């Protein structure tokens, strides 16, 4: 997986939408093959009713989802 440089403002925007903080990552998201993206809520499967969909809300996040899906077409956590 490639790395992407973020400005401080972009990084803070990613942190601001987090629902459940993780000790090992300052921001974590999941996506699926439909390019839907949501912040980390729980380990394992995140049920639909727990997802805060962010597709179209943060342009850089949508770009990252495109890159993730190019590597892992089914999506997953990143």
PDB file of N, CA and C in Angstrom:
ATOM      1  N   UNK A   1       0.852  -1.170   0.000  1.00  0.00           N
ATOM      2  CA  UNK A   1       0.000   0.000   0.000  1.00  0.00           C
ATOM      3  C   UNK A   1       0.900   1.235   0.000  1.00  0.00           C
ATOM      4  N   UNK A   2       0.504   2.200  -0.755  1.00  0.00           N
ATOM      5  CA  UNK A   2       1.281   3.429  -0.835  1.00  0.00           C
ATOM      6  C   UNK A   2       0.939   4.369   0.318  1.00  0.00           C
ATOM      7  N   UNK A   3       1.802   5.315   0.561  1.00  0.00           N
ATOM      8  CA  UNK A   3       1.523   6.315   1.590  1.00  0.00           C
ATOM      9  C   UNK A   3       1.069   7.609   0.913  1.00  0.00           C
ATOM     10  N   UNK A   4       0.309   8.393   1.650  1.00  0.00           N
ATOM     11  CA  UNK A   4      -0.229   9.652   1.140  1.00  0.00           C
ATOM     12  C   UNK A   4       0.078  10.726   2.162  1.00  0.00           C
ATOM     13  N   UNK A   5       0.669  11.805   1.710  1.00  0.00           N
ATOM     14  CA  UNK A   5       0.967  12.925   2.592  1.00  0.00           C
ATOM     15  C   UNK A   5      -0.288  13.754   2.812  1.00  0.00           C
ATOM     16  N   UNK A   6      -0.509  14.152   4.067  1.00  0.00           N
ATOM     17  CA  UNK A   6      -1.655  14.973   4.432  1.00  0.00           C
ATOM     18  C   UNK A   6      -1.169  16.276   5.052  1.00  0.00           C
ATOM     19  N   UNK A   7      -1.932  17.325   4.849  1.00  0.00           N
ATOM     20  CA  UNK A   7      -1.671  18.550   5.598  1.00  0.00           C
ATOM     21  C   UNK A   7      -2.210  18.347   7.005  1.00  0.00           C
ATOM     22  N   UNK A   8      -1.824  19.207   7.909  1.00  0.00           N
ATOM     23  CA  UNK A   8      -2.329  19.127   9.281  1.00  0.00           C
ATOM     24  C   UNK A   8      -3.849  19.285   9.288  1.00  0.00           C
ATOM     25  N   UNK A   9      -4.371  20.178   8.472  1.00  0.00           N
ATOM     26  CA  UNK A   9      -5.815  20.396   8.405  1.00  0.00           C
ATOM     27  C   UNK A   9      -6.541  19.142   7.904  1.00  0.00           C
ATOM     28  N   UNK A  10      -6.005  18.475   6.887  1.00  0.00           N
ATOM     29  CA  UNK A  10      -6.609  17.242   6.374  1.00  0.00           C
ATOM     30  C   UNK A  10      -6.581  16.148   7.434  1.00  0.00           C
ATOM     31  N   UNK A  11      -5.455  16.036   8.124  1.00  0.00           N
ATOM     32  CA  UNK A  11      -5.330  15.034   9.180  1.00  0.00           C
ATOM     33  C   UNK A  11      -6.351  15.283  10.292  1.00  0.00           C
ATOM     34  N   UNK A  12      -6.492  16.531  10.696  1.00  0.00           N
ATOM     35  CA  UNK A  12      -7.445  16.857  11.750  1.00  0.00           C
ATOM     36  C   UNK A  12      -8.882  16.600  11.308  1.00  0.00           C
ATOM     37  N   UNK A  13      -9.172  16.826  10.024  1.00  0.00           N
ATOM     38  CA  UNK A  13     -10.514  16.539   9.517  1.00  0.00           C
ATOM     39  C   UNK A  13     -10.803  15.041   9.617  1.00  0.00           C
ATOM     40  N   UNK A  14      -9.816  14.209   9.306  1.00  0.00           N
ATOM     41  CA  UNK A  14      -9.977  12.756   9.430  1.00  0.00           C
ATOM     42  C   UNK A  14     -10.204  12.358  10.887  1.00  0.00           C
ATOM     43  N   UNK A  15      -9.442  12.970  11.784  1.00  0.00           N
ATOM     44  CA  UNK A  15      -9.603  12.653  13.211  1.00  0.00           C
ATOM     45  C   UNK A  15     -10.951  13.128  13.743  1.00  0.00           C
ATOM     46  N   UNK A  16     -11.427  14.255  13.247  1.00  0.00           N
ATOM     47  CA  UNK A  16     -12.678  14.831  13.748  1.00  0.00           C
ATOM     48  C   UNK A  16     -13.902  13.967  13.463  1.00  0.00           C
ATOM     49  N   UNK A  17     -13.841  13.133  12.441  1.00  0.00           N
ATOM     50  CA  UNK A  17     -15.009  12.304  12.102  1.00  0.00           C
ATOM     51  C   UNK A  17     -14.937  10.910  12.732  1.00  0.00           C
ATOM     52  N   UNK A  18     -13.938  10.656  13.545  1.00  0.00           N
ATOM     53  CA  UNK A  18     -13.812   9.347  14.182  1.00  0.00           C
ATOM     54  C   UNK A  18     -14.917   9.157  15.216  1.00  0.00           C
ATOM     55  N   UNK A  19     -15.480   7.967  15.235  1.00  0.00           N
ATOM     56  CA  UNK A  19     -16.541   7.630  16.182  1.00  0.00           C
ATOM     57  C   UNK A  19     -15.955   6.952  17.415  1.00  0.00           C
ATOM     58  N   UNK A  20     -15.059   6.006  17.170  1.00  0.00           N
ATOM     59  CA  UNK A  20     -14.443   5.265  18.267  1.00  0.00           C
ATOM     60  C   UNK A  20     -12.926   5.318  18.084  1.00  0.00           C
ATOM     61  N   UNK A  21     -12.222   6.015  18.944  1.00  0.00           N
ATOM     62  CA  UNK A  21     -10.762   6.093  18.812  1.00  0.00           C
ATOM     63  C   UNK A  21     -10.102   4.723  18.940  1.00  0.00           C
ATOM     64  N   UNK A  22      -9.001   4.569  18.230  1.00  0.00           N
ATOM     65  CA  UNK A  22      -8.198   3.348  18.338  1.00  0.00           C
ATOM     66  C   UNK A  22      -6.836   3.728  18.899  1.00  0.00           C
ATOM     67  N   UNK A  23      -6.305   2.876  19.736  1.00  0.00           N
ATOM     68  CA  UNK A  23      -5.006   3.162  20.338  1.00  0.00           C
ATOM     69  C   UNK A  23      -3.875   3.054  19.323  1.00  0.00           C
ATOM     70  N   UNK A  24      -4.062   2.231  18.283  1.00  0.00           N
ATOM     71  CA  UNK A  24      -2.974   1.984  17.346  1.00  0.00           C
ATOM     72  C   UNK A  24      -2.980   2.888  16.108  1.00  0.00           C
ATOM     73  N   UNK A  25      -4.076   3.604  15.843  1.00  0.00           N
ATOM     74  CA  UNK A  25      -4.155   4.495  14.682  1.00  0.00           C
ATOM     75  C   UNK A  25      -4.937   5.748  15.061  1.00  0.00           C
ATOM     76  N   UNK A  26      -4.483   6.917  14.636  1.00  0.00           N
ATOM     77  CA  UNK A  26      -5.222   8.141  14.958  1.00  0.00           C
ATOM     78  C   UNK A  26      -6.531   8.268  14.182  1.00  0.00           C
ATOM     79  N   UNK A  27      -6.623   7.602  13.021  1.00  0.00           N
ATOM     80  CA  UNK A  27      -7.859   7.617  12.221  1.00  0.00           C
ATOM     81  C   UNK A  27      -7.930   6.304  11.457  1.00  0.00           C
ATOM     82  N   UNK A  28      -9.089   5.678  11.474  1.00  0.00           N
ATOM     83  CA  UNK A  28      -9.274   4.416  10.762  1.00  0.00           C
ATOM     84  C   UNK A  28     -10.649   4.433  10.102  1.00  0.00           C
ATOM     85  N   UNK A  29     -10.692   3.906   8.883  1.00  0.00           N
ATOM     86  CA  UNK A  29     -11.921   3.874   8.098  1.00  0.00           C
ATOM     87  C   UNK A  29     -12.091   2.494   7.488  1.00  0.00           C
ATOM     88  N   UNK A  30     -13.308   2.220   7.032  1.00  0.00           N
ATOM     89  CA  UNK A  30     -13.593   1.022   6.250  1.00  0.00           C
ATOM     90  C   UNK A  30     -14.289   1.465   4.974  1.00  0.00           C
ATOM     91  N   UNK A  31     -14.145   0.644   3.939  1.00  0.00           N
ATOM     92  CA  UNK A  31     -14.855   0.912   2.695  1.00  0.00           C
ATOM     93  C   UNK A  31     -15.288  -0.417   2.092  1.00  0.00           C
ATOM     94  N   UNK A  32     -16.201  -0.342   1.126  1.00  0.00           N
ATOM     95  CA  UNK A  32     -16.631  -1.542   0.433  1.00  0.00           C
ATOM     96  C   UNK A  32     -16.535  -1.328  -1.082  1.00  0.00           C
ATOM     97  N   UNK A  33     -16.880  -2.352  -1.827  1.00  0.00           N
ATOM     98  CA  UNK A  33     -16.739  -2.305  -3.281  1.00  0.00           C
ATOM     99  C   UNK A  33     -17.634  -1.240  -3.924  1.00  0.00           C
ATOM    100  N   UNK A  34     -18.648  -0.765  -3.204  1.00  0.00           N
ATOM    101  CA  UNK A  34     -19.534   0.283  -3.726  1.00  0.00           C
ATOM    102  C   UNK A  34     -18.976   1.683  -3.469  1.00  0.00           C
ATOM    103  N   UNK A  35     -17.746   1.741  -2.966  1.00  0.00           N
ATOM    104  CA  UNK A  35     -17.049   2.994  -2.654  1.00  0.00           C
ATOM    105  C   UNK A  35     -17.684   3.729  -1.482  1.00  0.00           C
ATOM    106  N   UNK A  36     -18.467   3.016  -0.669  1.00  0.00           N
ATOM    107  CA  UNK A  36     -18.988   3.601   0.553  1.00  0.00           C
ATOM    108  C   UNK A  36     -17.862   3.580   1.579  1.00  0.00           C
ATOM    109  N   UNK A  37     -17.778   4.600   2.388  1.00  0.00           N
ATOM    110  CA  UNK A  37     -16.707   4.702   3.379  1.00  0.00           C
ATOM    111  C   UNK A  37     -17.297   5.218   4.690  1.00  0.00           C
ATOM    112  N   UNK A  38     -16.783   4.685   5.807  1.00  0.00           N
ATOM    113  CA  UNK A  38     -17.263   5.078   7.123  1.00  0.00           C
ATOM    114  C   UNK A  38     -16.115   4.948   8.116  1.00  0.00           C
ATOM    115  N   UNK A  39     -16.160   5.727   9.222  1.00  0.00           N
ATOM    116  CA  UNK A  39     -15.106   5.623  10.237  1.00  0.00           C
ATOM    117  C   UNK A  39     -15.243   4.344  11.051  1.00  0.00           C
ATOM    118  N   UNK A  40     -14.138   3.925  11.636  1.00  0.00           N
ATOM    119  CA  UNK A  40     -14.074   2.739  12.493  1.00  0.00           C
ATOM    120  C   UNK A  40     -15.090   2.857  13.625  1.00  0.00           C
ATOM    121  N   UNK A  41     -15.846   1.773  13.829  1.00  0.00           N
ATOM    122  CA  UNK A  41     -16.811   1.711  14.921  1.00  0.00           C
ATOM    123  C   UNK A  41     -16.503   0.522  15.821  1.00  0.00           C
ATOM    124  N   UNK A  42     -16.242  -0.636  15.198  1.00  0.00           N
ATOM    125  CA  UNK A  42     -16.004  -1.835  15.984  1.00  0.00           C
ATOM    126  C   UNK A  42     -15.085  -2.778  15.221  1.00  0.00           C
ATOM    127  N   UNK A  43     -14.478  -3.680  15.944  1.00  0.00           N
ATOM    128  CA  UNK A  43     -13.666  -4.702  15.302  1.00  0.00           C
ATOM    129  C   UNK A  43     -14.604  -5.690  14.619  1.00  0.00           C
ATOM    130  N   UNK A  44     -14.183  -6.251  13.519  1.00  0.00           N
ATOM    131  CA  UNK A  44     -15.031  -7.167  12.774  1.00  0.00           C
ATOM    132  C   UNK A  44     -16.003  -6.395  11.894  1.00  0.00           C
ATOM    133  N   UNK A  45     -17.099  -7.038  11.557  1.00  0.00           N
ATOM    134  CA  UNK A  45     -18.100  -6.457  10.679  1.00  0.00           C
ATOM    135  C   UNK A  45     -18.781  -5.263  11.351  1.00  0.00           C
ATOM    136  N   UNK A  46     -18.895  -4.160  10.618  1.00  0.00           N
ATOM    137  CA  UNK A  46     -19.654  -3.003  11.090  1.00  0.00           C
ATOM    138  C   UNK A  46     -21.030  -3.075  10.434  1.00  0.00           C
ATOM    139  N   UNK A  47     -22.050  -3.270  11.224  1.00  0.00           N
ATOM    140  CA  UNK A  47     -23.400  -3.394  10.688  1.00  0.00           C
ATOM    141  C   UNK A  47     -23.867  -2.068  10.091  1.00  0.00           C
ATOM    142  N   UNK A  48     -24.706  -2.170   9.094  1.00  0.00           N
ATOM    143  CA  UNK A  48     -25.164  -0.991   8.347  1.00  0.00           C
ATOM    144  C   UNK A  48     -25.689   0.112   9.269  1.00  0.00           C
ATOM    145  N   UNK A  49     -26.457  -0.238  10.269  1.00  0.00           N
ATOM    146  CA  UNK A  49     -27.041   0.781  11.144  1.00  0.00           C
ATOM    147  C   UNK A  49     -25.997   1.497  12.006  1.00  0.00           C
ATOM    148  N   UNK A  50     -24.781   0.963  12.085  1.00  0.00           N
ATOM    149  CA  UNK A  50     -23.704   1.604  12.847  1.00  0.00           C
ATOM    150  C   UNK A  50     -22.817   2.489  11.975  1.00  0.00           C
ATOM    151  N   UNK A  51     -22.994   2.439  10.668  1.00  0.00           N
ATOM    152  CA  UNK A  51     -22.105   3.159   9.753  1.00  0.00           C
ATOM    153  C   UNK A  51     -22.514   4.617   9.585  1.00  0.00           C
ATOM    154  N   UNK A  52     -21.531   5.501   9.683  1.00  0.00           N
ATOM    155  CA  UNK A  52     -21.707   6.916   9.371  1.00  0.00           C
ATOM    156  C   UNK A  52     -21.086   7.115   7.992  1.00  0.00           C
ATOM    157  N   UNK A  53     -21.901   7.095   6.963  1.00  0.00           N
ATOM    158  CA  UNK A  53     -21.381   7.153   5.600  1.00  0.00           C
ATOM    159  C   UNK A  53     -20.794   8.526   5.298  1.00  0.00           C
ATOM    160  N   UNK A  54     -19.589   8.519   4.734  1.00  0.00           N
ATOM    161  CA  UNK A  54     -18.863   9.751   4.453  1.00  0.00           C
ATOM    162  C   UNK A  54     -18.564   9.950   2.962  1.00  0.00           C
ATOM    163  N   UNK A  55     -19.046   9.061   2.117  1.00  0.00           N
ATOM    164  CA  UNK A  55     -18.782   9.182   0.677  1.00  0.00           C
ATOM    165  C   UNK A  55     -19.254  10.551   0.198  1.00  0.00           C
ATOM    166  N   UNK A  56     -18.345  11.271  -0.453  1.00  0.00           N
ATOM    167  CA  UNK A  56     -18.659  12.594  -0.967  1.00  0.00           C
ATOM    168  C   UNK A  56     -18.488  13.728   0.028  1.00  0.00           C
ATOM    169  N   UNK A  57     -18.188  13.403   1.289  1.00  0.00           N
ATOM    170  CA  UNK A  57     -18.048  14.432   2.319  1.00  0.00           C
ATOM    171  C   UNK A  57     -16.630  15.002   2.394  1.00  0.00           C
ATOM    172  N   UNK A  58     -15.639  14.147   2.172  1.00  0.00           N
ATOM    173  CA  UNK A  58     -14.231  14.563   2.255  1.00  0.00           C
ATOM    174  C   UNK A  58     -13.549  14.084   0.977  1.00  0.00           C
ATOM    175  N   UNK A  59     -13.201  15.022   0.110  1.00  0.00           N
ATOM    176  CA  UNK A  59     -12.665  14.665  -1.197  1.00  0.00           C
ATOM    177  C   UNK A  59     -11.426  13.771  -1.104  1.00  0.00           C
ATOM    178  N   UNK A  60     -10.496  14.100  -0.225  1.00  0.00           N
ATOM    179  CA  UNK A  60      -9.285  13.292  -0.097  1.00  0.00           C
ATOM    180  C   UNK A  60      -9.617  11.874   0.362  1.00  0.00           C
ATOM    181  N   UNK A  61     -10.583  11.725   1.228  1.00  0.00           N
ATOM    182  CA  UNK A  61     -10.985  10.396   1.684  1.00  0.00           C
ATOM    183  C   UNK A  61     -11.533   9.582   0.513  1.00  0.00           C
ATOM    184  N   UNK A  62     -12.321  10.202  -0.351  1.00  0.00           N
ATOM    185  CA  UNK A  62     -12.831   9.508  -1.540  1.00  0.00           C
ATOM    186  C   UNK A  62     -11.685   9.071  -2.451  1.00  0.00           C
ATOM    187  N   UNK A  63     -10.667   9.899  -2.585  1.00  0.00           N
ATOM    188  CA  UNK A  63      -9.492   9.545  -3.394  1.00  0.00           C
ATOM    189  C   UNK A  63      -8.744   8.365  -2.776  1.00  0.00           C
ATOM    190  N   UNK A  64      -8.635   8.353  -1.472  1.00  0.00           N
ATOM    191  CA  UNK A  64      -7.971   7.244  -0.786  1.00  0.00           C
ATOM    192  C   UNK A  64      -8.755   5.956  -0.991  1.00  0.00           C
ATOM    193  N   UNK A  65     -10.077   6.030  -0.921  1.00  0.00           N
ATOM    194  CA  UNK A  65     -10.916   4.848  -1.157  1.00  0.00           C
ATOM    195  C   UNK A  65     -10.650   4.291  -2.551  1.00  0.00           C
ATOM    196  N   UNK A  66     -10.528   5.158  -3.547  1.00  0.00           N
ATOM    197  CA  UNK A  66     -10.214   4.707  -4.913  1.00  0.00           C
ATOM    198  C   UNK A  66      -8.904   3.917  -4.928  1.00  0.00           C
ATOM    199  N   UNK A  67      -7.913   4.409  -4.231  1.00  0.00           N
ATOM    200  CA  UNK A  67      -6.608   3.727  -4.186  1.00  0.00           C
ATOM    201  C   UNK A  67      -6.688   2.401  -3.436  1.00  0.00           C
ATOM    202  N   UNK A  68      -7.436   2.387  -2.339  1.00  0.00           N
ATOM    203  CA  UNK A  68      -7.605   1.142  -1.580  1.00  0.00           C
ATOM    204  C   UNK A  68      -8.284   0.097  -2.456  1.00  0.00           C
ATOM    205  N   UNK A  69      -9.347   0.496  -3.148  1.00  0.00           N
ATOM    206  CA  UNK A  69     -10.087  -0.452  -3.978  1.00  0.00           C
ATOM    207  C   UNK A  69      -9.285  -0.921  -5.185  1.00  0.00           C
ATOM    208  N   UNK A  70      -8.341  -0.127  -5.638  1.00  0.00           N
ATOM    209  CA  UNK A  70      -7.461  -0.569  -6.723  1.00  0.00           C
ATOM    210  C   UNK A  70      -6.574  -1.724  -6.260  1.00  0.00           C
ATOM    211  N   UNK A  71      -6.237  -1.734  -4.974  1.00  0.00           N
ATOM    212  CA  UNK A  71      -5.408  -2.793  -4.396  1.00  0.00           C
ATOM    213  C   UNK A  71      -6.239  -3.965  -3.866  1.00  0.00           C
ATOM    214  N   UNK A  72      -7.380  -3.621  -3.251  1.00  0.00           N
ATOM    215  CA  UNK A  72      -8.278  -4.627  -2.647  1.00  0.00           C
ATOM    216  C   UNK A  72      -9.700  -4.344  -3.113  1.00  0.00           C
ATOM    217  N   UNK A  73     -10.133  -4.913  -4.217  1.00  0.00           N
ATOM    218  CA  UNK A  73     -11.436  -4.577  -4.802  1.00  0.00           C
ATOM    219  C   UNK A  73     -12.641  -4.762  -3.878  1.00  0.00           C
ATOM    220  N   UNK A  74     -12.528  -5.604  -2.874  1.00  0.00           N
ATOM    221  CA  UNK A  74     -13.658  -5.765  -1.955  1.00  0.00           C
ATOM    222  C   UNK A  74     -13.640  -4.741  -0.828  1.00  0.00           C
ATOM    223  N   UNK A  75     -12.565  -3.965  -0.717  1.00  0.00           N
ATOM    224  CA  UNK A  75     -12.455  -2.945   0.326  1.00  0.00           C
ATOM    225  C   UNK A  75     -11.893  -3.510   1.606  1.00  0.00           C
ATOM    226  N   UNK A  76     -12.273  -2.881   2.714  1.00  0.00           N
ATOM    227  CA  UNK A  76     -11.773  -3.297   4.022  1.00  0.00           C
ATOM    228  C   UNK A  76     -11.373  -2.089   4.845  1.00  0.00           C
ATOM    229  N   UNK A  77     -10.714  -2.361   5.954  1.00  0.00           N
ATOM    230  CA  UNK A  77     -10.304  -1.305   6.870  1.00  0.00           C
ATOM    231  C   UNK A  77      -8.950  -0.744   6.453  1.00  0.00           C
ATOM    232  N   UNK A  78      -8.812   0.554   6.615  1.00  0.00           N
ATOM    233  CA  UNK A  78      -7.529   1.212   6.325  1.00  0.00           C
ATOM    234  C   UNK A  78      -7.356   2.398   7.255  1.00  0.00           C
TER     235      UNK A  78
END
